[in-house]
């Protein structure tokens, strides 16, 4: 089971960019498409009712979207999170 989950939609260019970066950084992830009400409920609870995608979690903890992911990477904090 992947430690990273990306909540996305099928027609989101930033979601595609985020998945591309995760692959480039060799970080396995699970994609969750927000097309079912039960999935959307989980998404809303985890992300404090976020309105934009992508949104990411690591080990079930919400880290934010694309901007937050790249900031974590630039600060070397992403490596620390993935090593934990």
PDB file of N, CA and C in Angstrom:
ATOM      1  N   UNK A   1       0.844  -1.186   0.000  1.00  0.00           N
ATOM      2  CA  UNK A   1       0.000   0.000   0.000  1.00  0.00           C
ATOM      3  C   UNK A   1       0.891   1.251   0.000  1.00  0.00           C
ATOM      4  N   UNK A   2       0.579   2.176  -0.871  1.00  0.00           N
ATOM      5  CA  UNK A   2       1.353   3.415  -0.975  1.00  0.00           C
ATOM      6  C   UNK A   2       1.061   4.321   0.218  1.00  0.00           C
ATOM      7  N   UNK A   3       2.093   4.988   0.679  1.00  0.00           N
ATOM      8  CA  UNK A   3       1.947   5.913   1.810  1.00  0.00           C
ATOM      9  C   UNK A   3       1.365   7.241   1.366  1.00  0.00           C
ATOM     10  N   UNK A   4       1.499   7.559   0.083  1.00  0.00           N
ATOM     11  CA  UNK A   4       1.007   8.826  -0.462  1.00  0.00           C
ATOM     12  C   UNK A   4      -0.279   8.567  -1.224  1.00  0.00           C
ATOM     13  N   UNK A   5      -1.288   9.372  -0.931  1.00  0.00           N
ATOM     14  CA  UNK A   5      -2.535   9.353  -1.681  1.00  0.00           C
ATOM     15  C   UNK A   5      -2.692  10.708  -2.342  1.00  0.00           C
ATOM     16  N   UNK A   6      -3.093  10.689  -3.612  1.00  0.00           N
ATOM     17  CA  UNK A   6      -3.410  11.922  -4.315  1.00  0.00           C
ATOM     18  C   UNK A   6      -4.882  11.868  -4.703  1.00  0.00           C
ATOM     19  N   UNK A   7      -5.613  12.836  -4.208  1.00  0.00           N
ATOM     20  CA  UNK A   7      -7.024  12.971  -4.553  1.00  0.00           C
ATOM     21  C   UNK A   7      -7.096  13.879  -5.764  1.00  0.00           C
ATOM     22  N   UNK A   8      -7.736  13.375  -6.827  1.00  0.00           N
ATOM     23  CA  UNK A   8      -7.724  14.116  -8.081  1.00  0.00           C
ATOM     24  C   UNK A   8      -9.017  13.894  -8.851  1.00  0.00           C
ATOM     25  N   UNK A   9      -9.087  14.558  -9.994  1.00  0.00           N
ATOM     26  CA  UNK A   9     -10.171  14.347 -10.943  1.00  0.00           C
ATOM     27  C   UNK A   9      -9.545  13.969 -12.278  1.00  0.00           C
ATOM     28  N   UNK A  10     -10.357  13.470 -13.179  1.00  0.00           N
ATOM     29  CA  UNK A  10      -9.851  13.013 -14.458  1.00  0.00           C
ATOM     30  C   UNK A  10      -9.420  14.104 -15.417  1.00  0.00           C
ATOM     31  N   UNK A  11      -9.829  15.339 -15.167  1.00  0.00           N
ATOM     32  CA  UNK A  11      -9.549  16.420 -16.110  1.00  0.00           C
ATOM     33  C   UNK A  11      -8.806  17.573 -15.445  1.00  0.00           C
ATOM     34  N   UNK A  12      -7.747  17.250 -14.722  1.00  0.00           N
ATOM     35  CA  UNK A  12      -7.035  18.253 -13.945  1.00  0.00           C
ATOM     36  C   UNK A  12      -5.564  18.291 -14.360  1.00  0.00           C
ATOM     37  N   UNK A  13      -5.133  19.350 -15.053  1.00  0.00           N
ATOM     38  CA  UNK A  13      -3.731  19.403 -15.489  1.00  0.00           C
ATOM     39  C   UNK A  13      -2.733  19.474 -14.330  1.00  0.00           C
ATOM     40  N   UNK A  14      -3.097  20.117 -13.232  1.00  0.00           N
ATOM     41  CA  UNK A  14      -2.188  20.180 -12.083  1.00  0.00           C
ATOM     42  C   UNK A  14      -2.082  18.807 -11.416  1.00  0.00           C
ATOM     43  N   UNK A  15      -3.167  18.043 -11.439  1.00  0.00           N
ATOM     44  CA  UNK A  15      -3.110  16.671 -10.915  1.00  0.00           C
ATOM     45  C   UNK A  15      -2.115  15.852 -11.726  1.00  0.00           C
ATOM     46  N   UNK A  16      -2.168  15.995 -13.043  1.00  0.00           N
ATOM     47  CA  UNK A  16      -1.232  15.272 -13.912  1.00  0.00           C
ATOM     48  C   UNK A  16       0.215  15.692 -13.620  1.00  0.00           C
ATOM     49  N   UNK A  17       0.420  16.973 -13.440  1.00  0.00           N
ATOM     50  CA  UNK A  17       1.763  17.485 -13.130  1.00  0.00           C
ATOM     51  C   UNK A  17       2.251  16.926 -11.790  1.00  0.00           C
ATOM     52  N   UNK A  18       1.374  16.862 -10.810  1.00  0.00           N
ATOM     53  CA  UNK A  18       1.720  16.331  -9.492  1.00  0.00           C
ATOM     54  C   UNK A  18       2.101  14.860  -9.587  1.00  0.00           C
ATOM     55  N   UNK A  19       1.314  14.085 -10.332  1.00  0.00           N
ATOM     56  CA  UNK A  19       1.623  12.659 -10.498  1.00  0.00           C
ATOM     57  C   UNK A  19       2.955  12.486 -11.234  1.00  0.00           C
ATOM     58  N   UNK A  20       3.215  13.321 -12.207  1.00  0.00           N
ATOM     59  CA  UNK A  20       4.482  13.268 -12.942  1.00  0.00           C
ATOM     60  C   UNK A  20       5.662  13.516 -11.990  1.00  0.00           C
ATOM     61  N   UNK A  21       5.534  14.532 -11.117  1.00  0.00           N
ATOM     62  CA  UNK A  21       6.608  14.817 -10.164  1.00  0.00           C
ATOM     63  C   UNK A  21       6.819  13.661  -9.189  1.00  0.00           C
ATOM     64  N   UNK A  22       5.743  13.089  -8.696  1.00  0.00           N
ATOM     65  CA  UNK A  22       5.874  11.956  -7.775  1.00  0.00           C
ATOM     66  C   UNK A  22       6.601  10.796  -8.453  1.00  0.00           C
ATOM     67  N   UNK A  23       6.264  10.543  -9.710  1.00  0.00           N
ATOM     68  CA  UNK A  23       6.958   9.483 -10.456  1.00  0.00           C
ATOM     69  C   UNK A  23       8.429   9.840 -10.643  1.00  0.00           C
ATOM     70  N   UNK A  24       8.707  11.087 -10.987  1.00  0.00           N
ATOM     71  CA  UNK A  24      10.083  11.536 -11.191  1.00  0.00           C
ATOM     72  C   UNK A  24      10.897  11.369  -9.912  1.00  0.00           C
ATOM     73  N   UNK A  25      10.291  11.671  -8.773  1.00  0.00           N
ATOM     74  CA  UNK A  25      10.968  11.561  -7.486  1.00  0.00           C
ATOM     75  C   UNK A  25      10.930  10.132  -6.941  1.00  0.00           C
ATOM     76  N   UNK A  26      10.339   9.213  -7.726  1.00  0.00           N
ATOM     77  CA  UNK A  26      10.242   7.796  -7.352  1.00  0.00           C
ATOM     78  C   UNK A  26       9.494   7.579  -6.040  1.00  0.00           C
ATOM     79  N   UNK A  27       8.407   8.323  -5.914  1.00  0.00           N
ATOM     80  CA  UNK A  27       7.546   8.194  -4.738  1.00  0.00           C
ATOM     81  C   UNK A  27       6.265   7.487  -5.176  1.00  0.00           C
ATOM     82  N   UNK A  28       6.052   6.261  -4.711  1.00  0.00           N
ATOM     83  CA  UNK A  28       4.822   5.562  -5.084  1.00  0.00           C
ATOM     84  C   UNK A  28       3.608   6.251  -4.467  1.00  0.00           C
ATOM     85  N   UNK A  29       2.514   6.212  -5.188  1.00  0.00           N
ATOM     86  CA  UNK A  29       1.294   6.863  -4.699  1.00  0.00           C
ATOM     87  C   UNK A  29       0.078   6.073  -5.133  1.00  0.00           C
ATOM     88  N   UNK A  30      -0.995   6.329  -4.438  1.00  0.00           N
ATOM     89  CA  UNK A  30      -2.302   5.786  -4.793  1.00  0.00           C
ATOM     90  C   UNK A  30      -3.155   6.970  -5.230  1.00  0.00           C
ATOM     91  N   UNK A  31      -3.757   6.860  -6.396  1.00  0.00           N
ATOM     92  CA  UNK A  31      -4.642   7.931  -6.868  1.00  0.00           C
ATOM     93  C   UNK A  31      -6.074   7.597  -6.489  1.00  0.00           C
ATOM     94  N   UNK A  32      -6.770   8.588  -5.952  1.00  0.00           N
ATOM     95  CA  UNK A  32      -8.171   8.446  -5.592  1.00  0.00           C
ATOM     96  C   UNK A  32      -8.944   9.475  -6.408  1.00  0.00           C
ATOM     97  N   UNK A  33      -9.780   8.964  -7.324  1.00  0.00           N
ATOM     98  CA  UNK A  33     -10.589   9.858  -8.158  1.00  0.00           C
ATOM     99  C   UNK A  33     -11.866  10.225  -7.415  1.00  0.00           C
ATOM    100  N   UNK A  34     -12.182  11.491  -7.435  1.00  0.00           N
ATOM    101  CA  UNK A  34     -13.341  12.000  -6.683  1.00  0.00           C
ATOM    102  C   UNK A  34     -14.618  11.901  -7.514  1.00  0.00           C
ATOM    103  N   UNK A  35     -14.980  10.687  -7.865  1.00  0.00           N
ATOM    104  CA  UNK A  35     -16.170  10.498  -8.680  1.00  0.00           C
ATOM    105  C   UNK A  35     -17.306   9.784  -7.956  1.00  0.00           C
ATOM    106  N   UNK A  36     -17.078   9.414  -6.694  1.00  0.00           N
ATOM    107  CA  UNK A  36     -18.103   8.732  -5.902  1.00  0.00           C
ATOM    108  C   UNK A  36     -18.378   9.536  -4.635  1.00  0.00           C
ATOM    109  N   UNK A  37     -19.651   9.632  -4.235  1.00  0.00           N
ATOM    110  CA  UNK A  37     -19.978  10.379  -3.016  1.00  0.00           C
ATOM    111  C   UNK A  37     -19.221   9.887  -1.786  1.00  0.00           C
ATOM    112  N   UNK A  38     -19.022   8.578  -1.641  1.00  0.00           N
ATOM    113  CA  UNK A  38     -18.324   8.055  -0.462  1.00  0.00           C
ATOM    114  C   UNK A  38     -16.863   8.497  -0.446  1.00  0.00           C
ATOM    115  N   UNK A  39     -16.248   8.570  -1.601  1.00  0.00           N
ATOM    116  CA  UNK A  39     -14.861   9.022  -1.697  1.00  0.00           C
ATOM    117  C   UNK A  39     -14.789  10.510  -1.399  1.00  0.00           C
ATOM    118  N   UNK A  40     -15.748  11.267  -1.903  1.00  0.00           N
ATOM    119  CA  UNK A  40     -15.742  12.709  -1.663  1.00  0.00           C
ATOM    120  C   UNK A  40     -15.896  13.008  -0.179  1.00  0.00           C
ATOM    121  N   UNK A  41     -16.687  12.212   0.519  1.00  0.00           N
ATOM    122  CA  UNK A  41     -16.855  12.415   1.959  1.00  0.00           C
ATOM    123  C   UNK A  41     -15.518  12.209   2.677  1.00  0.00           C
ATOM    124  N   UNK A  42     -14.802  11.139   2.327  1.00  0.00           N
ATOM    125  CA  UNK A  42     -13.478  10.885   2.897  1.00  0.00           C
ATOM    126  C   UNK A  42     -12.538  12.053   2.597  1.00  0.00           C
ATOM    127  N   UNK A  43     -12.556  12.515   1.358  1.00  0.00           N
ATOM    128  CA  UNK A  43     -11.727  13.643   0.925  1.00  0.00           C
ATOM    129  C   UNK A  43     -12.017  14.890   1.758  1.00  0.00           C
ATOM    130  N   UNK A  44     -13.285  15.210   1.924  1.00  0.00           N
ATOM    131  CA  UNK A  44     -13.682  16.409   2.665  1.00  0.00           C
ATOM    132  C   UNK A  44     -13.239  16.333   4.125  1.00  0.00           C
ATOM    133  N   UNK A  45     -13.374  15.160   4.731  1.00  0.00           N
ATOM    134  CA  UNK A  45     -12.974  14.994   6.129  1.00  0.00           C
ATOM    135  C   UNK A  45     -11.459  15.112   6.296  1.00  0.00           C
ATOM    136  N   UNK A  46     -10.706  14.500   5.404  1.00  0.00           N
ATOM    137  CA  UNK A  46      -9.241  14.532   5.500  1.00  0.00           C
ATOM    138  C   UNK A  46      -8.651  15.909   5.229  1.00  0.00           C
ATOM    139  N   UNK A  47      -9.288  16.663   4.336  1.00  0.00           N
ATOM    140  CA  UNK A  47      -8.709  17.916   3.855  1.00  0.00           C
ATOM    141  C   UNK A  47      -9.402  19.161   4.395  1.00  0.00           C
ATOM    142  N   UNK A  48     -10.215  18.995   5.414  1.00  0.00           N
ATOM    143  CA  UNK A  48     -10.921  20.141   5.986  1.00  0.00           C
ATOM    144  C   UNK A  48     -11.750  20.864   4.915  1.00  0.00           C
ATOM    145  N   UNK A  49     -12.447  20.065   4.108  1.00  0.00           N
ATOM    146  CA  UNK A  49     -13.341  20.550   3.052  1.00  0.00           C
ATOM    147  C   UNK A  49     -12.623  21.346   1.958  1.00  0.00           C
ATOM    148  N   UNK A  50     -11.463  20.876   1.558  1.00  0.00           N
ATOM    149  CA  UNK A  50     -10.733  21.534   0.461  1.00  0.00           C
ATOM    150  C   UNK A  50     -11.605  21.563  -0.788  1.00  0.00           C
ATOM    151  N   UNK A  51     -11.457  22.612  -1.567  1.00  0.00           N
ATOM    152  CA  UNK A  51     -12.270  22.792  -2.771  1.00  0.00           C
ATOM    153  C   UNK A  51     -11.485  22.571  -4.055  1.00  0.00           C
ATOM    154  N   UNK A  52     -10.183  22.370  -3.937  1.00  0.00           N
ATOM    155  CA  UNK A  52      -9.356  22.236  -5.120  1.00  0.00           C
ATOM    156  C   UNK A  52      -8.602  20.915  -5.106  1.00  0.00           C
ATOM    157  N   UNK A  53      -8.284  20.430  -6.274  1.00  0.00           N
ATOM    158  CA  UNK A  53      -7.441  19.250  -6.422  1.00  0.00           C
ATOM    159  C   UNK A  53      -6.215  19.643  -7.216  1.00  0.00           C
ATOM    160  N   UNK A  54      -5.143  18.941  -7.049  1.00  0.00           N
ATOM    161  CA  UNK A  54      -4.986  17.751  -6.225  1.00  0.00           C
ATOM    162  C   UNK A  54      -4.799  18.108  -4.764  1.00  0.00           C
ATOM    163  N   UNK A  55      -5.103  17.151  -3.921  1.00  0.00           N
ATOM    164  CA  UNK A  55      -4.799  17.215  -2.500  1.00  0.00           C
ATOM    165  C   UNK A  55      -4.088  15.922  -2.163  1.00  0.00           C
ATOM    166  N   UNK A  56      -3.088  16.010  -1.286  1.00  0.00           N
ATOM    167  CA  UNK A  56      -2.274  14.844  -0.976  1.00  0.00           C
ATOM    168  C   UNK A  56      -2.244  14.559   0.512  1.00  0.00           C
ATOM    169  N   UNK A  57      -2.144  13.266   0.819  1.00  0.00           N
ATOM    170  CA  UNK A  57      -1.918  12.835   2.186  1.00  0.00           C
ATOM    171  C   UNK A  57      -0.691  11.920   2.196  1.00  0.00           C
ATOM    172  N   UNK A  58       0.030  11.949   3.303  1.00  0.00           N
ATOM    173  CA  UNK A  58       1.121  11.013   3.537  1.00  0.00           C
ATOM    174  C   UNK A  58       0.805  10.322   4.851  1.00  0.00           C
ATOM    175  N   UNK A  59       0.691   9.004   4.789  1.00  0.00           N
ATOM    176  CA  UNK A  59       0.316   8.203   5.962  1.00  0.00           C
ATOM    177  C   UNK A  59      -0.976   8.712   6.592  1.00  0.00           C
ATOM    178  N   UNK A  60      -1.914   9.135   5.748  1.00  0.00           N
ATOM    179  CA  UNK A  60      -3.213   9.599   6.232  1.00  0.00           C
ATOM    180  C   UNK A  60      -3.237  11.023   6.741  1.00  0.00           C
ATOM    181  N   UNK A  61      -2.096  11.705   6.724  1.00  0.00           N
ATOM    182  CA  UNK A  61      -2.039  13.097   7.190  1.00  0.00           C
ATOM    183  C   UNK A  61      -2.038  14.027   5.978  1.00  0.00           C
ATOM    184  N   UNK A  62      -2.956  14.960   5.975  1.00  0.00           N
ATOM    185  CA  UNK A  62      -3.108  15.905   4.871  1.00  0.00           C
ATOM    186  C   UNK A  62      -1.917  16.846   4.815  1.00  0.00           C
ATOM    187  N   UNK A  63      -1.285  16.944   3.637  1.00  0.00           N
ATOM    188  CA  UNK A  63      -0.168  17.872   3.482  1.00  0.00           C
ATOM    189  C   UNK A  63      -0.509  19.049   2.577  1.00  0.00           C
ATOM    190  N   UNK A  64      -1.603  18.962   1.836  1.00  0.00           N
ATOM    191  CA  UNK A  64      -2.006  20.060   0.961  1.00  0.00           C
ATOM    192  C   UNK A  64      -1.989  19.641  -0.498  1.00  0.00           C
ATOM    193  N   UNK A  65      -1.764  20.638  -1.358  1.00  0.00           N
ATOM    194  CA  UNK A  65      -1.807  20.403  -2.791  1.00  0.00           C
ATOM    195  C   UNK A  65      -0.434  20.473  -3.446  1.00  0.00           C
ATOM    196  N   UNK A  66      -0.443  20.800  -4.735  1.00  0.00           N
ATOM    197  CA  UNK A  66       0.778  20.846  -5.528  1.00  0.00           C
ATOM    198  C   UNK A  66       1.809  21.813  -4.943  1.00  0.00           C
ATOM    199  N   UNK A  67       1.388  23.002  -4.573  1.00  0.00           N
ATOM    200  CA  UNK A  67       2.319  24.004  -4.029  1.00  0.00           C
ATOM    201  C   UNK A  67       2.977  23.514  -2.749  1.00  0.00           C
ATOM    202  N   UNK A  68       2.191  22.947  -1.870  1.00  0.00           N
ATOM    203  CA  UNK A  68       2.735  22.452  -0.605  1.00  0.00           C
ATOM    204  C   UNK A  68       3.697  21.279  -0.845  1.00  0.00           C
ATOM    205  N   UNK A  69       3.366  20.427  -1.808  1.00  0.00           N
ATOM    206  CA  UNK A  69       4.248  19.311  -2.144  1.00  0.00           C
ATOM    207  C   UNK A  69       5.598  19.811  -2.643  1.00  0.00           C
ATOM    208  N   UNK A  70       5.595  20.776  -3.544  1.00  0.00           N
ATOM    209  CA  UNK A  70       6.861  21.278  -4.080  1.00  0.00           C
ATOM    210  C   UNK A  70       7.649  22.028  -3.005  1.00  0.00           C
ATOM    211  N   UNK A  71       6.960  22.742  -2.109  1.00  0.00           N
ATOM    212  CA  UNK A  71       7.658  23.413  -1.005  1.00  0.00           C
ATOM    213  C   UNK A  71       8.329  22.403  -0.083  1.00  0.00           C
ATOM    214  N   UNK A  72       7.614  21.315   0.232  1.00  0.00           N
ATOM    215  CA  UNK A  72       8.210  20.263   1.062  1.00  0.00           C
ATOM    216  C   UNK A  72       9.452  19.695   0.389  1.00  0.00           C
ATOM    217  N   UNK A  73       9.367  19.489  -0.912  1.00  0.00           N
ATOM    218  CA  UNK A  73      10.505  18.948  -1.651  1.00  0.00           C
ATOM    219  C   UNK A  73      11.684  19.923  -1.642  1.00  0.00           C
ATOM    220  N   UNK A  74      11.422  21.186  -1.881  1.00  0.00           N
ATOM    221  CA  UNK A  74      12.485  22.187  -1.928  1.00  0.00           C
ATOM    222  C   UNK A  74      13.147  22.367  -0.568  1.00  0.00           C
ATOM    223  N   UNK A  75      12.399  22.170   0.509  1.00  0.00           N
ATOM    224  CA  UNK A  75      12.934  22.304   1.868  1.00  0.00           C
ATOM    225  C   UNK A  75      13.529  20.996   2.397  1.00  0.00           C
ATOM    226  N   UNK A  76      13.579  19.967   1.551  1.00  0.00           N
ATOM    227  CA  UNK A  76      14.058  18.641   1.927  1.00  0.00           C
ATOM    228  C   UNK A  76      13.183  17.974   2.997  1.00  0.00           C
ATOM    229  N   UNK A  77      12.048  18.531   3.277  1.00  0.00           N
ATOM    230  CA  UNK A  77      11.149  17.954   4.268  1.00  0.00           C
ATOM    231  C   UNK A  77      10.407  16.748   3.712  1.00  0.00           C
ATOM    232  N   UNK A  78      10.225  16.703   2.398  1.00  0.00           N
ATOM    233  CA  UNK A  78       9.541  15.557   1.792  1.00  0.00           C
ATOM    234  C   UNK A  78      10.365  14.292   1.977  1.00  0.00           C
ATOM    235  N   UNK A  79      11.667  14.396   1.781  1.00  0.00           N
ATOM    236  CA  UNK A  79      12.545  13.241   1.994  1.00  0.00           C
ATOM    237  C   UNK A  79      12.437  12.744   3.430  1.00  0.00           C
ATOM    238  N   UNK A  80      12.405  13.658   4.371  1.00  0.00           N
ATOM    239  CA  UNK A  80      12.283  13.288   5.788  1.00  0.00           C
ATOM    240  C   UNK A  80      10.964  12.593   6.053  1.00  0.00           C
ATOM    241  N   UNK A  81       9.875  13.106   5.475  1.00  0.00           N
ATOM    242  CA  UNK A  81       8.569  12.481   5.668  1.00  0.00           C
ATOM    243  C   UNK A  81       8.540  11.066   5.077  1.00  0.00           C
ATOM    244  N   UNK A  82       9.162  10.908   3.924  1.00  0.00           N
ATOM    245  CA  UNK A  82       9.144   9.608   3.264  1.00  0.00           C
ATOM    246  C   UNK A  82      10.066   8.599   3.950  1.00  0.00           C
ATOM    247  N   UNK A  83      11.096   9.074   4.640  1.00  0.00           N
ATOM    248  CA  UNK A  83      12.005   8.184   5.352  1.00  0.00           C
ATOM    249  C   UNK A  83      11.418   7.712   6.685  1.00  0.00           C
ATOM    250  N   UNK A  84      10.523   8.501   7.239  1.00  0.00           N
ATOM    251  CA  UNK A  84       9.946   8.176   8.566  1.00  0.00           C
ATOM    252  C   UNK A  84       9.146   6.889   8.529  1.00  0.00           C
TER     253      UNK A  84
END
